Structure formats: structure tokens, C-alpha cells
Amino acid sequence: MAEHRSMQRAALLDAARSLLSEGGTEALTFPALAERTGLARSSVYEYFRSRAAVVEELCEVDFPVWAAEVEAAMERAGSAEGKVEAYVRQQLALVGDRRHRAVVAISASELDAGAREKIRAAHGGLVAMIVEALGELGHGQPRLAAMLVQGVVDAAVRRIELGAAEDPVVITEAAVAMALRGVRG
């Protein structure tokens, strides 16, 4: 029974990812989740009490996986500057991943305080990854520099997500160049 519930919960989260990446937060409804998973609408409520609860669980499940991919890319880099480049490149490489599209859709929506705090904490963990590399590069305020680098990443993500006139490769290269020029001082 526990395994069945776990599989159903995973199917609901997978359906939520798809709905969010296809249609944003407006598409994430319990009737749509029920239709995607073949469950009765009332059964969806047995797993999640609200849309915000679905969002919170998606953040708890997906953000650590995403962060681990960024961290692994940084660990493969040989220098502090290489870690900064990997940090930017890996986040932008994940833009096409539906987990990322779901997180972007989630962040743009109206969420309750609990969901917002979980997103903020997860994002803080991502920014914390680059602080050490920026310290190694001699920044007097590596945390501030990390937040600014993340701002460049966030702007590039929005540009890619909007389907800007520029090719995503061009956006990525521009973001990497800006971040590296900025961290070099």
C-alpha cells in the first residue's frame, strides 16, 4: 500500500511538472492533475491539500536535484574562475529541463508564505555554492558578489524563457562573459 501511494504521489508530481512547464501556474489545477494521472479529483486531495502543497513538494524534490547538478559542474572546474563559469553555464543549460520550467512557473505565481520561504531557502543554497569561489578570487564581499552573479543568471534565464530574439547560446555566452568580467573586478 505504501509503495502504491508513493508511486501515485510521484505520478502527481510528474503531472504537475508537465502542467507547469506547458501552461504555467494557471494550468496546475486538481482537475488537470486528476485527468493526467487517471485519478478521481477527490483522490488528488488525499495526496495534497492544496495547489501550494504541490508546489512546496515540487520545490523540495526538484530543487536539490537541480542544485546537485550545478554543484557537480562546479566541482569539475579546476579553478575558482572556472567554478563561476560552471555555475552560470550549468544553470542556463538547465533552462530547457521541465523541472526548471516548473520552478520558473512556480516563482512567477502567487504562493503562500511557506512555499515562498522554501523557494527562497533553496535559492539561497544555490547562491551559497559560489561564495567560496568568489572569496578565492579575492572579493571583499563574496556573498554580495554571489547575489549579483545570480542576478545575471536570473536575467539570462528570463531572456531564454521568453524566447528572446537571441539564440540561447548567445545569451549564455553573454551571461558567462558578464559574470567573469564582473568577478575579475
C-alpha atoms as a PDB file:
ATOM      1  CA  MET A   1       0.000   0.000   0.000  1.00  0.00           C
ATOM      2  CA  ALA A   2       2.795   2.445   0.904  1.00  0.00           C
ATOM      3  CA  GLU A   3       4.576   1.718  -2.360  1.00  0.00           C
ATOM      4  CA  HIS A   4       1.367   2.347  -4.319  1.00  0.00           C
ATOM      5  CA  ARG A   5       0.837   5.696  -2.557  1.00  0.00           C
ATOM      6  CA  SER A   6       4.440   6.643  -3.248  1.00  0.00           C
ATOM      7  CA  MET A   7       4.021   5.822  -6.940  1.00  0.00           C
ATOM      8  CA  GLN A   8       0.770   7.802  -7.131  1.00  0.00           C
ATOM      9  CA  ARG A   9       2.384  10.783  -5.413  1.00  0.00           C
ATOM     10  CA  ALA A  10       5.313  10.617  -7.866  1.00  0.00           C
ATOM     11  CA  ALA A  11       2.856  10.449 -10.791  1.00  0.00           C
ATOM     12  CA  LEU A  12       1.025  13.508  -9.449  1.00  0.00           C
ATOM     13  CA  LEU A  13       4.300  15.439  -9.134  1.00  0.00           C
ATOM     14  CA  ASP A  14       5.304  14.413 -12.648  1.00  0.00           C
ATOM     15  CA  ALA A  15       1.937  15.582 -13.965  1.00  0.00           C
ATOM     16  CA  ALA A  16       2.337  18.853 -12.036  1.00  0.00           C
ATOM     17  CA  ARG A  17       5.760  19.428 -13.649  1.00  0.00           C
ATOM     18  CA  SER A  18       4.271  18.887 -17.090  1.00  0.00           C
ATOM     19  CA  LEU A  19       1.315  21.162 -16.444  1.00  0.00           C
ATOM     20  CA  LEU A  20       3.521  23.926 -15.055  1.00  0.00           C
ATOM     21  CA  SER A  21       6.019  23.732 -17.902  1.00  0.00           C
ATOM     22  CA  GLU A  22       3.269  23.652 -20.548  1.00  0.00           C
ATOM     23  CA  GLY A  23       0.881  26.256 -19.205  1.00  0.00           C
ATOM     24  CA  GLY A  24       2.275  27.936 -16.106  1.00  0.00           C
ATOM     25  CA  THR A  25       0.570  28.031 -12.751  1.00  0.00           C
ATOM     26  CA  GLU A  26      -2.893  28.546 -14.254  1.00  0.00           C
ATOM     27  CA  ALA A  27      -2.621  25.068 -15.752  1.00  0.00           C
ATOM     28  CA  LEU A  28      -1.887  23.451 -12.384  1.00  0.00           C
ATOM     29  CA  THR A  29      -5.353  22.527 -11.169  1.00  0.00           C
ATOM     30  CA  PHE A  30      -6.601  19.491  -9.323  1.00  0.00           C
ATOM     31  CA  PRO A  31      -8.948  18.510 -12.187  1.00  0.00           C
ATOM     32  CA  ALA A  32      -5.992  18.682 -14.596  1.00  0.00           C
ATOM     33  CA  LEU A  33      -3.844  16.608 -12.214  1.00  0.00           C
ATOM     34  CA  ALA A  34      -6.645  14.050 -11.929  1.00  0.00           C
ATOM     35  CA  GLU A  35      -7.017  13.875 -15.702  1.00  0.00           C
ATOM     36  CA  ARG A  36      -3.260  13.476 -16.288  1.00  0.00           C
ATOM     37  CA  THR A  37      -2.909  10.711 -13.716  1.00  0.00           C
ATOM     38  CA  GLY A  38      -6.207   8.912 -14.212  1.00  0.00           C
ATOM     39  CA  LEU A  39      -7.178   9.533 -10.599  1.00  0.00           C
ATOM     40  CA  ALA A  40     -10.506  10.828  -9.390  1.00  0.00           C
ATOM     41  CA  ARG A  41     -10.335  14.510  -8.499  1.00  0.00           C
ATOM     42  CA  SER A  42     -11.212  13.700  -4.899  1.00  0.00           C
ATOM     43  CA  SER A  43      -8.251  11.296  -4.787  1.00  0.00           C
ATOM     44  CA  VAL A  44      -5.842  14.115  -5.605  1.00  0.00           C
ATOM     45  CA  TYR A  45      -6.900  15.765  -2.335  1.00  0.00           C
ATOM     46  CA  GLU A  46      -5.804  12.635  -0.460  1.00  0.00           C
ATOM     47  CA  TYR A  47      -2.221  13.408  -1.540  1.00  0.00           C
ATOM     48  CA  PHE A  48      -2.171  17.214  -1.471  1.00  0.00           C
ATOM     49  CA  ARG A  49      -4.362  19.616   0.476  1.00  0.00           C
ATOM     50  CA  SER A  50      -3.825  22.500  -1.947  1.00  0.00           C
ATOM     51  CA  ARG A  51      -2.024  23.688  -5.034  1.00  0.00           C
ATOM     52  CA  ALA A  52       0.531  25.354  -2.761  1.00  0.00           C
ATOM     53  CA  ALA A  53       1.248  21.953  -1.188  1.00  0.00           C
ATOM     54  CA  VAL A  54       2.004  20.528  -4.646  1.00  0.00           C
ATOM     55  CA  VAL A  55       4.316  23.471  -5.334  1.00  0.00           C
ATOM     56  CA  GLU A  56       6.109  23.066  -1.998  1.00  0.00           C
ATOM     57  CA  GLU A  57       6.739  19.388  -2.625  1.00  0.00           C
ATOM     58  CA  LEU A  58       7.984  20.054  -6.154  1.00  0.00           C
ATOM     59  CA  CYS A  59      10.484  22.517  -4.704  1.00  0.00           C
ATOM     60  CA  GLU A  60      11.564  20.017  -2.045  1.00  0.00           C
ATOM     61  CA  VAL A  61      12.060  17.276  -4.624  1.00  0.00           C
ATOM     62  CA  ASP A  62      13.359  19.123  -7.693  1.00  0.00           C
ATOM     63  CA  PHE A  63      15.487  21.964  -6.394  1.00  0.00           C
ATOM     64  CA  PRO A  64      18.038  19.695  -4.649  1.00  0.00           C
ATOM     65  CA  VAL A  65      18.477  17.682  -7.861  1.00  0.00           C
ATOM     66  CA  TRP A  66      18.999  20.866  -9.849  1.00  0.00           C
ATOM     67  CA  ALA A  67      21.399  22.255  -7.244  1.00  0.00           C
ATOM     68  CA  ALA A  68      23.366  18.976  -7.238  1.00  0.00           C
ATOM     69  CA  GLU A  69      23.833  19.263 -10.997  1.00  0.00           C
ATOM     70  CA  VAL A  70      25.167  22.805 -10.611  1.00  0.00           C
ATOM     71  CA  GLU A  71      27.434  21.730  -7.754  1.00  0.00           C
ATOM     72  CA  ALA A  72      28.795  18.767  -9.740  1.00  0.00           C
ATOM     73  CA  ALA A  73      29.629  21.051 -12.676  1.00  0.00           C
ATOM     74  CA  MET A  74      31.438  23.418 -10.314  1.00  0.00           C
ATOM     75  CA  GLU A  75      33.412  20.563  -8.729  1.00  0.00           C
ATOM     76  CA  ARG A  76      34.693  19.532 -12.168  1.00  0.00           C
ATOM     77  CA  ALA A  77      36.141  23.013 -12.712  1.00  0.00           C
ATOM     78  CA  GLY A  78      39.829  23.410 -11.952  1.00  0.00           C
ATOM     79  CA  SER A  79      39.899  26.991 -10.739  1.00  0.00           C
ATOM     80  CA  ALA A  80      37.768  29.487  -8.847  1.00  0.00           C
ATOM     81  CA  GLU A  81      37.069  31.327 -12.094  1.00  0.00           C
ATOM     82  CA  GLY A  82      36.157  28.008 -13.733  1.00  0.00           C
ATOM     83  CA  LYS A  83      33.693  27.361 -10.906  1.00  0.00           C
ATOM     84  CA  VAL A  84      31.993  30.690 -11.563  1.00  0.00           C
ATOM     85  CA  GLU A  85      31.743  29.860 -15.258  1.00  0.00           C
ATOM     86  CA  ALA A  86      30.368  26.377 -14.489  1.00  0.00           C
ATOM     87  CA  TYR A  87      27.840  27.891 -12.064  1.00  0.00           C
ATOM     88  CA  VAL A  88      26.458  30.173 -14.773  1.00  0.00           C
ATOM     89  CA  ARG A  89      26.638  27.672 -17.644  1.00  0.00           C
ATOM     90  CA  GLN A  90      25.016  24.791 -15.781  1.00  0.00           C
ATOM     91  CA  GLN A  91      22.074  26.864 -14.584  1.00  0.00           C
ATOM     92  CA  LEU A  92      21.461  28.124 -18.113  1.00  0.00           C
ATOM     93  CA  ALA A  93      21.835  24.607 -19.519  1.00  0.00           C
ATOM     94  CA  LEU A  94      19.016  23.519 -17.228  1.00  0.00           C
ATOM     95  CA  VAL A  95      16.590  26.114 -18.613  1.00  0.00           C
ATOM     96  CA  GLY A  96      15.136  23.640 -21.116  1.00  0.00           C
ATOM     97  CA  ASP A  97      14.617  20.991 -18.435  1.00  0.00           C
ATOM     98  CA  ARG A  98      10.966  20.782 -17.408  1.00  0.00           C
ATOM     99  CA  ARG A  99      11.947  20.776 -13.733  1.00  0.00           C
ATOM    100  CA  HIS A 100      13.390  24.204 -14.335  1.00  0.00           C
ATOM    101  CA  ARG A 101      10.390  25.401 -16.325  1.00  0.00           C
ATOM    102  CA  ALA A 102       8.194  24.262 -13.454  1.00  0.00           C
ATOM    103  CA  VAL A 103      10.306  26.185 -10.917  1.00  0.00           C
ATOM    104  CA  VAL A 104      10.175  29.312 -13.099  1.00  0.00           C
ATOM    105  CA  ALA A 105       6.399  28.995 -13.392  1.00  0.00           C
ATOM    106  CA  ILE A 106       6.162  28.482  -9.646  1.00  0.00           C
ATOM    107  CA  SER A 107       8.290  31.522  -8.856  1.00  0.00           C
ATOM    108  CA  ALA A 108       6.117  33.727 -11.040  1.00  0.00           C
ATOM    109  CA  SER A 109       2.938  32.725  -9.234  1.00  0.00           C
ATOM    110  CA  GLU A 110       1.167  33.834  -6.136  1.00  0.00           C
ATOM    111  CA  LEU A 111       2.302  31.442  -3.419  1.00  0.00           C
ATOM    112  CA  ASP A 112       1.681  31.214   0.262  1.00  0.00           C
ATOM    113  CA  ALA A 113       4.413  32.207   2.716  1.00  0.00           C
ATOM    114  CA  GLY A 114       5.565  28.605   3.291  1.00  0.00           C
ATOM    115  CA  ALA A 115       6.120  27.907  -0.390  1.00  0.00           C
ATOM    116  CA  ARG A 116       7.881  31.253  -0.918  1.00  0.00           C
ATOM    117  CA  GLU A 117      10.187  30.573   2.038  1.00  0.00           C
ATOM    118  CA  LYS A 118      11.130  27.139   0.685  1.00  0.00           C
ATOM    119  CA  ILE A 119      11.961  28.624  -2.709  1.00  0.00           C
ATOM    120  CA  ARG A 120      13.973  31.409  -1.048  1.00  0.00           C
ATOM    121  CA  ALA A 121      15.909  28.905   1.086  1.00  0.00           C
ATOM    122  CA  ALA A 122      16.634  26.670  -1.904  1.00  0.00           C
ATOM    123  CA  HIS A 123      17.780  29.645  -3.938  1.00  0.00           C
ATOM    124  CA  GLY A 124      19.962  30.764  -1.033  1.00  0.00           C
ATOM    125  CA  GLY A 125      21.624  27.360  -1.034  1.00  0.00           C
ATOM    126  CA  LEU A 126      22.359  27.721  -4.727  1.00  0.00           C
ATOM    127  CA  VAL A 127      23.910  31.172  -4.253  1.00  0.00           C
ATOM    128  CA  ALA A 128      25.957  29.871  -1.285  1.00  0.00           C
ATOM    129  CA  MET A 129      27.719  27.431  -3.637  1.00  0.00           C
ATOM    130  CA  ILE A 130      29.571  30.214  -5.398  1.00  0.00           C
ATOM    131  CA  VAL A 131      30.522  32.314  -2.366  1.00  0.00           C
ATOM    132  CA  GLU A 132      33.693  30.302  -1.667  1.00  0.00           C
ATOM    133  CA  ALA A 133      34.904  30.587  -5.264  1.00  0.00           C
ATOM    134  CA  LEU A 134      34.349  34.345  -5.170  1.00  0.00           C
ATOM    135  CA  GLY A 135      36.267  34.551  -1.903  1.00  0.00           C
ATOM    136  CA  GLU A 136      39.144  32.686  -3.565  1.00  0.00           C
ATOM    137  CA  LEU A 137      39.090  35.325  -6.304  1.00  0.00           C
ATOM    138  CA  GLY A 138      39.661  37.995  -3.665  1.00  0.00           C
ATOM    139  CA  HIS A 139      36.242  39.573  -3.356  1.00  0.00           C
ATOM    140  CA  GLY A 140      35.850  41.524  -0.129  1.00  0.00           C
ATOM    141  CA  GLN A 141      32.116  40.807  -0.153  1.00  0.00           C
ATOM    142  CA  PRO A 142      31.761  37.391  -1.782  1.00  0.00           C
ATOM    143  CA  ARG A 143      28.123  36.951  -0.677  1.00  0.00           C
ATOM    144  CA  LEU A 144      27.120  40.215  -2.345  1.00  0.00           C
ATOM    145  CA  ALA A 145      29.111  39.281  -5.455  1.00  0.00           C
ATOM    146  CA  ALA A 146      27.370  35.868  -5.492  1.00  0.00           C
ATOM    147  CA  MET A 147      23.953  37.504  -5.397  1.00  0.00           C
ATOM    148  CA  LEU A 148      24.942  39.791  -8.269  1.00  0.00           C
ATOM    149  CA  VAL A 149      26.229  36.860 -10.342  1.00  0.00           C
ATOM    150  CA  GLN A 150      22.920  35.107  -9.659  1.00  0.00           C
ATOM    151  CA  GLY A 151      21.173  38.250 -10.887  1.00  0.00           C
ATOM    152  CA  VAL A 152      22.985  37.892 -14.214  1.00  0.00           C
ATOM    153  CA  VAL A 153      21.910  34.228 -14.342  1.00  0.00           C
ATOM    154  CA  ASP A 154      18.299  35.112 -13.494  1.00  0.00           C
ATOM    155  CA  ALA A 155      18.193  37.780 -16.213  1.00  0.00           C
ATOM    156  CA  ALA A 156      19.603  35.326 -18.765  1.00  0.00           C
ATOM    157  CA  VAL A 157      17.081  32.670 -17.697  1.00  0.00           C
ATOM    158  CA  ARG A 158      14.208  35.113 -18.189  1.00  0.00           C
ATOM    159  CA  ARG A 159      15.571  36.100 -21.597  1.00  0.00           C
ATOM    160  CA  ILE A 160      15.806  32.449 -22.687  1.00  0.00           C
ATOM    161  CA  GLU A 161      12.394  31.577 -21.235  1.00  0.00           C
ATOM    162  CA  LEU A 162      10.751  34.484 -23.070  1.00  0.00           C
ATOM    163  CA  GLY A 163      12.053  33.139 -26.376  1.00  0.00           C
ATOM    164  CA  ALA A 164      14.129  36.246 -26.978  1.00  0.00           C
ATOM    165  CA  ALA A 165      15.356  37.143 -30.449  1.00  0.00           C
ATOM    166  CA  GLU A 166      18.850  35.968 -29.466  1.00  0.00           C
ATOM    167  CA  ASP A 167      19.796  32.325 -29.616  1.00  0.00           C
ATOM    168  CA  PRO A 168      20.087  30.734 -26.139  1.00  0.00           C
ATOM    169  CA  VAL A 169      23.763  30.029 -26.888  1.00  0.00           C
ATOM    170  CA  VAL A 170      24.350  33.750 -27.482  1.00  0.00           C
ATOM    171  CA  ILE A 171      22.538  34.609 -24.239  1.00  0.00           C
ATOM    172  CA  THR A 172      24.589  32.018 -22.337  1.00  0.00           C
ATOM    173  CA  GLU A 173      27.891  33.296 -23.725  1.00  0.00           C
ATOM    174  CA  ALA A 174      26.947  36.896 -22.889  1.00  0.00           C
ATOM    175  CA  ALA A 175      25.954  35.930 -19.329  1.00  0.00           C
ATOM    176  CA  VAL A 176      29.181  33.961 -18.806  1.00  0.00           C
ATOM    177  CA  ALA A 177      31.263  36.872 -20.154  1.00  0.00           C
ATOM    178  CA  MET A 178      29.462  39.390 -17.929  1.00  0.00           C
ATOM    179  CA  ALA A 179      29.817  37.223 -14.839  1.00  0.00           C
ATOM    180  CA  LEU A 180      33.503  36.526 -15.444  1.00  0.00           C
ATOM    181  CA  ARG A 181      34.313  40.169 -16.188  1.00  0.00           C
ATOM    182  CA  GLY A 182      32.434  41.143 -13.049  1.00  0.00           C
ATOM    183  CA  VAL A 183      34.215  38.668 -10.775  1.00  0.00           C
ATOM    184  CA  ARG A 184      37.604  39.614 -12.140  1.00  0.00           C
ATOM    185  CA  GLY A 185      36.905  43.139 -10.920  1.00  0.00           C
END
